[in-house]
């Protein structure tokens, strides 16, 4: 796996879990402070990630394997459930969830047959597509920005502020730790670049959502990002593109799920 591919994979997996439930939780905990807690969360995550790689703290012993295996199973169940809900809610509402889960499983199993080379190539192919959708979403929503929705920026520093920061750090860094276990020979510079790029992207999406909907609506809706995309209007006549631009979240989850399958297969082969 090349150093560039490592950075791209980090970009995908470190923000994959945020769309929907996690972001909604952070909005409710942080209120207007969510921009600051996201920034601090990824800053803390960058520091932790650097030390984990610098001092090679990701081991391959039995205890670490058990921890990695348990985390992978938990994240796999959460991710496939979240992705199924997203697809069922916004794309295939008439399709039974069981069939959607089966389709996702087939994609993940097939994607894992090519091992690390397959997921690396897939991530490179999907990166420009994902970035294009995110770019359209952010640019398309600029007309709906309301500065007043961002105020007050420093709302209330309490225990929820700390909890929100720590959740951001954990949710973004755990998939990265699993990725480091999978690839073993990693490039610190490109992993950090991918992680920081992911943090900046997530920060911009949250900024777009908050400035469009305000904190009350952002906290109310389970998929506040998607709701904010509903207001996008390109060239004053192209509307209802939220289903298209939200595909970036599906790409994130697919990459993460394939990675988790690879990790589970790797541990089971060694056991």
Protein backbone atom coordinates (compact mmCIF):
# COMPACT_ATOMS: atom_id res chain seq x y z
CA UNK A 1 0.00 0.00 0.00
CA UNK A 2 1.51 3.33 -1.08
CA UNK A 3 1.80 6.28 1.29
CA UNK A 4 -0.75 8.21 -0.78
CA UNK A 5 -3.24 5.36 -0.50
CA UNK A 6 -2.74 5.29 3.27
CA UNK A 7 -3.62 8.98 3.46
CA UNK A 8 -6.72 8.51 1.31
CA UNK A 9 -7.96 5.57 3.42
CA UNK A 10 -7.42 7.63 6.58
CA UNK A 11 -9.44 10.46 5.04
CA UNK A 12 -12.39 8.13 4.45
CA UNK A 13 -12.48 6.08 7.65
CA UNK A 14 -11.83 8.86 10.18
CA UNK A 15 -15.05 10.71 9.27
CA UNK A 16 -17.19 7.73 8.26
CA UNK A 17 -19.02 7.30 11.58
CA UNK A 18 -20.14 10.90 12.00
CA UNK A 19 -22.95 11.22 9.43
CA UNK A 20 -26.33 11.17 11.15
CA UNK A 21 -26.47 9.87 14.72
CA UNK A 22 -23.02 10.96 15.95
CA UNK A 23 -23.27 14.45 14.49
CA UNK A 24 -26.76 14.81 15.95
CA UNK A 25 -25.41 13.76 19.36
CA UNK A 26 -22.60 16.31 19.09
CA UNK A 27 -25.05 19.08 18.15
CA UNK A 28 -27.12 18.29 21.23
CA UNK A 29 -24.10 18.15 23.53
CA UNK A 30 -22.12 21.09 22.14
CA UNK A 31 -24.81 23.44 20.84
CA UNK A 32 -23.09 26.41 19.17
CA UNK A 33 -19.73 25.14 20.49
CA UNK A 34 -19.75 22.24 18.03
CA UNK A 35 -17.28 23.93 15.69
CA UNK A 36 -14.84 24.41 18.54
CA UNK A 37 -15.29 20.90 19.97
CA UNK A 38 -14.81 19.39 16.51
CA UNK A 39 -11.62 21.38 16.04
CA UNK A 40 -10.31 20.42 19.48
CA UNK A 41 -11.38 16.80 19.03
CA UNK A 42 -9.41 16.38 15.81
CA UNK A 43 -6.46 18.31 17.25
CA UNK A 44 -6.31 15.91 20.19
CA UNK A 45 -6.78 13.00 17.79
CA UNK A 46 -3.85 14.21 15.68
CA UNK A 47 -1.58 14.29 18.72
CA UNK A 48 -2.65 10.81 19.87
CA UNK A 49 -2.32 9.36 16.37
CA UNK A 50 1.16 10.83 15.98
CA UNK A 51 2.40 9.31 19.24
CA UNK A 52 0.83 5.93 18.44
CA UNK A 53 2.75 5.81 15.17
CA UNK A 54 5.94 7.52 16.34
CA UNK A 55 6.50 5.06 19.17
CA UNK A 56 4.92 2.08 17.36
CA UNK A 57 2.32 1.43 20.05
CA UNK A 58 0.08 -0.61 17.74
CA UNK A 59 1.14 -4.15 18.64
CA UNK A 60 0.31 -7.58 17.22
CA UNK A 61 0.14 -9.53 20.48
CA UNK A 62 -2.81 -11.59 21.68
CA UNK A 63 -4.27 -8.89 23.96
CA UNK A 64 -4.15 -6.26 21.25
CA UNK A 65 -5.67 -8.70 18.75
CA UNK A 66 -8.61 -9.33 21.06
CA UNK A 67 -9.17 -5.59 21.51
CA UNK A 68 -8.92 -4.95 17.76
CA UNK A 69 -11.25 -7.87 17.00
CA UNK A 70 -13.91 -6.68 19.47
CA UNK A 71 -13.70 -3.09 18.20
CA UNK A 72 -13.95 -4.29 14.60
CA UNK A 73 -17.06 -6.36 15.33
CA UNK A 74 -18.74 -3.50 17.21
CA UNK A 75 -17.95 -0.97 14.48
CA UNK A 76 -19.05 -3.39 11.77
CA UNK A 77 -22.45 -3.91 13.40
CA UNK A 78 -22.89 -0.18 14.00
CA UNK A 79 -21.73 0.77 10.50
CA UNK A 80 -23.84 -1.73 8.59
CA UNK A 81 -26.87 -0.74 10.68
CA UNK A 82 -26.27 2.97 10.08
CA UNK A 83 -25.64 2.50 6.36
CA UNK A 84 -28.75 0.35 6.02
CA UNK A 85 -30.85 3.05 7.71
CA UNK A 86 -29.39 5.75 5.46
CA UNK A 87 -30.09 3.79 2.27
CA UNK A 88 -33.55 2.73 3.43
CA UNK A 89 -34.52 6.23 4.58
CA UNK A 90 -33.29 8.24 1.60
CA UNK A 91 -32.92 5.89 -1.36
CA UNK A 92 -34.75 2.55 -1.13
CA UNK A 93 -37.63 3.14 1.26
CA UNK A 94 -39.73 0.39 -0.34
CA UNK A 95 -36.96 -2.20 -0.11
CA UNK A 96 -36.84 -4.47 2.97
CA UNK A 97 -33.87 -3.73 5.20
CA UNK A 98 -32.83 -7.39 5.09
CA UNK A 99 -32.23 -7.12 1.34
CA UNK A 100 -30.24 -3.91 1.80
CA UNK A 101 -28.08 -5.56 4.45
CA UNK A 102 -27.54 -8.54 2.15
CA UNK A 103 -26.47 -6.22 -0.69
CA UNK A 104 -24.03 -4.38 1.59
CA UNK A 105 -22.57 -7.67 2.82
CA UNK A 106 -22.03 -8.87 -0.75
CA UNK A 107 -20.24 -5.63 -1.64
CA UNK A 108 -18.06 -5.81 1.49
CA UNK A 109 -17.14 -9.47 1.05
CA UNK A 110 -16.37 -8.99 -2.63
CA UNK A 111 -14.37 -5.84 -1.87
CA UNK A 112 -12.31 -7.71 0.70
CA UNK A 113 -11.35 -10.52 -1.72
CA UNK A 114 -8.70 -8.26 -3.27
CA UNK A 115 -7.16 -7.66 0.17
CA UNK A 116 -5.37 -4.37 0.88
CA UNK A 117 -4.63 -3.74 -2.79
CA UNK A 118 -8.33 -3.80 -3.63
CA UNK A 119 -9.44 -1.37 -0.94
CA UNK A 120 -6.51 0.93 -1.78
CA UNK A 121 -7.42 1.08 -5.46
CA UNK A 122 -11.11 1.48 -4.65
CA UNK A 123 -10.41 4.40 -2.31
CA UNK A 124 -8.32 6.14 -4.97
CA UNK A 125 -11.13 5.76 -7.52
CA UNK A 126 -13.85 6.97 -5.13
CA UNK A 127 -11.89 9.92 -3.69
CA UNK A 128 -12.57 12.41 -6.53
CA UNK A 129 -16.23 11.35 -6.63
CA UNK A 130 -16.60 11.87 -2.89
CA UNK A 131 -14.80 15.22 -2.97
CA UNK A 132 -16.98 16.37 -5.88
CA UNK A 133 -20.20 15.64 -3.96
CA UNK A 134 -18.87 17.36 -0.83
CA UNK A 135 -17.75 20.37 -2.89
CA UNK A 136 -21.17 20.68 -4.56
CA UNK A 137 -22.88 20.43 -1.16
CA UNK A 138 -20.71 23.10 0.44
CA UNK A 139 -20.75 25.52 -2.48
CA UNK A 140 -24.45 24.96 -3.15
CA UNK A 141 -25.31 25.76 0.45
CA UNK A 142 -23.39 29.04 0.66
CA UNK A 143 -26.49 31.00 -0.44
CA UNK A 144 -28.31 29.67 2.61
CA UNK A 145 -25.68 30.70 5.15
CA UNK A 146 -26.96 32.80 8.03
CA UNK A 147 -24.21 34.23 10.23
CA UNK A 148 -26.67 34.66 13.10
CA UNK A 149 -27.08 30.87 13.21
CA UNK A 150 -23.45 30.60 14.32
CA UNK A 151 -23.86 32.94 17.28
CA UNK A 152 -22.92 32.86 20.04
CA UNK A 153 -19.77 30.97 19.05
CA UNK A 154 -18.72 30.46 22.68
CA UNK A 155 -21.96 29.38 24.22
CA UNK A 156 -21.43 27.47 27.46
CA UNK A 157 -18.31 25.67 28.64
CA UNK A 158 -19.53 22.79 30.80
CA UNK A 159 -18.97 19.05 31.12
CA UNK A 160 -20.81 18.46 27.82
CA UNK A 161 -18.13 20.51 26.08
CA UNK A 162 -15.45 18.09 27.28
CA UNK A 163 -17.59 15.03 26.53
CA UNK A 164 -18.28 16.25 23.00
CA UNK A 165 -14.59 16.87 22.37
CA UNK A 166 -13.66 13.40 23.61
CA UNK A 167 -16.41 11.74 21.54
CA UNK A 168 -15.11 13.51 18.44
CA UNK A 169 -11.60 12.28 19.19
CA UNK A 170 -12.63 8.69 19.85
CA UNK A 171 -15.04 8.36 16.92
CA UNK A 172 -12.45 9.71 14.50
CA UNK A 173 -9.36 7.95 15.85
CA UNK A 174 -10.60 4.40 16.54
CA UNK A 175 -11.06 3.60 12.81
CA UNK A 176 -7.55 5.00 12.23
CA UNK A 177 -6.08 2.71 14.89
CA UNK A 178 -7.76 -0.24 13.19
CA UNK A 179 -6.33 0.91 9.86
CA UNK A 180 -2.82 1.10 11.35
CA UNK A 181 -3.20 -2.48 12.57
CA UNK A 182 -4.22 -3.57 9.08
CA UNK A 183 -1.42 -1.92 7.10
CA UNK A 184 1.43 -2.27 9.67
CA UNK A 185 4.00 -0.40 7.56
CA UNK A 186 2.55 3.09 7.69
CA UNK A 187 3.75 6.53 6.66
CA UNK A 188 3.25 8.95 9.56
CA UNK A 189 3.18 12.08 7.40
CA UNK A 190 0.49 10.86 5.00
CA UNK A 191 -1.67 9.28 7.72
CA UNK A 192 -1.66 12.61 9.60
CA UNK A 193 -2.39 14.54 6.39
CA UNK A 194 -5.35 12.28 5.66
CA UNK A 195 -6.65 12.64 9.22
CA UNK A 196 -6.34 16.44 9.26
CA UNK A 197 -7.97 16.69 5.80
CA UNK A 198 -10.86 14.58 7.08
CA UNK A 199 -11.21 16.84 10.13
CA UNK A 200 -11.28 19.97 7.98
CA UNK A 201 -13.89 18.41 5.68
CA UNK A 202 -16.10 17.41 8.60
CA UNK A 203 -15.70 20.88 10.12
CA UNK A 204 -16.85 22.50 6.86
CA UNK A 205 -19.87 20.16 6.62
CA UNK A 206 -20.86 20.99 10.22
CA UNK A 207 -20.32 24.70 9.53
CA UNK A 208 -22.56 24.46 6.46
CA UNK A 209 -25.25 22.58 8.40
CA UNK A 210 -25.21 24.89 11.43
CA UNK A 211 -25.18 28.12 9.42
CA UNK A 212 -28.05 26.86 7.25
CA UNK A 213 -30.36 25.32 9.86
CA UNK A 214 -29.31 26.91 13.14
CA UNK A 215 -28.63 24.98 16.32
CA UNK A 216 -32.28 24.22 17.15
CA UNK A 217 -33.04 22.43 13.89
CA UNK A 218 -29.55 20.90 13.66
CA UNK A 219 -30.09 19.32 17.07
CA UNK A 220 -33.60 18.18 16.23
CA UNK A 221 -33.03 16.30 12.98
CA UNK A 222 -31.30 12.91 13.06
CA UNK A 223 -29.71 13.58 9.66
CA UNK A 224 -29.21 17.32 9.90
CA UNK A 225 -26.56 17.35 7.16
CA UNK A 226 -29.01 15.80 4.72
CA UNK A 227 -31.78 18.24 5.74
CA UNK A 228 -29.48 21.20 5.13
CA UNK A 229 -28.63 19.85 1.66
CA UNK A 230 -32.35 20.01 0.80
CA UNK A 231 -32.01 23.78 0.57
CA UNK A 232 -29.35 23.60 -2.14
CA UNK A 233 -30.31 25.18 -5.45
CA UNK A 234 -27.75 25.22 -8.25
CA UNK A 235 -27.98 27.83 -11.03
CA UNK A 236 -31.35 28.90 -9.58
CA UNK A 237 -33.21 25.92 -11.06
CA UNK A 238 -31.48 22.63 -10.13
CA UNK A 239 -33.05 21.49 -6.86
CA UNK A 240 -33.51 18.37 -4.72
CA UNK A 241 -29.95 17.14 -5.15
CA UNK A 242 -29.59 16.10 -1.49
CA UNK A 243 -29.78 12.42 -2.45
CA UNK A 244 -26.87 12.87 -4.83
CA UNK A 245 -24.50 14.87 -2.64
CA UNK A 246 -25.20 12.65 0.39
CA UNK A 247 -23.64 9.71 -1.46
CA UNK A 248 -20.29 10.75 0.06
CA UNK A 249 -21.49 9.29 3.38
CA UNK A 250 -22.28 5.96 1.71
CA UNK A 251 -18.80 5.89 0.18
CA UNK A 252 -17.26 6.51 3.62
CA UNK A 253 -19.21 3.65 5.17
CA UNK A 254 -18.44 1.21 2.34
CA UNK A 255 -14.69 1.86 2.62
CA UNK A 256 -14.86 1.49 6.41
CA UNK A 257 -16.87 -1.76 6.22
CA UNK A 258 -14.48 -3.35 3.71
CA UNK A 259 -11.57 -2.39 5.97
CA UNK A 260 -13.30 -3.97 8.97
CA UNK A 261 -13.93 -7.20 7.02
CA UNK A 262 -10.23 -7.33 6.11
CA UNK A 263 -9.21 -6.88 9.74
CA UNK A 264 -11.62 -9.55 10.99
CA UNK A 265 -10.38 -11.98 8.31
CA UNK A 266 -6.76 -11.20 9.17
CA UNK A 267 -7.23 -11.91 12.89
CA UNK A 268 -9.27 -15.06 12.29
CA UNK A 269 -6.60 -16.46 9.96
CA UNK A 270 -3.92 -15.97 12.60
CA UNK A 271 -5.96 -17.47 15.44
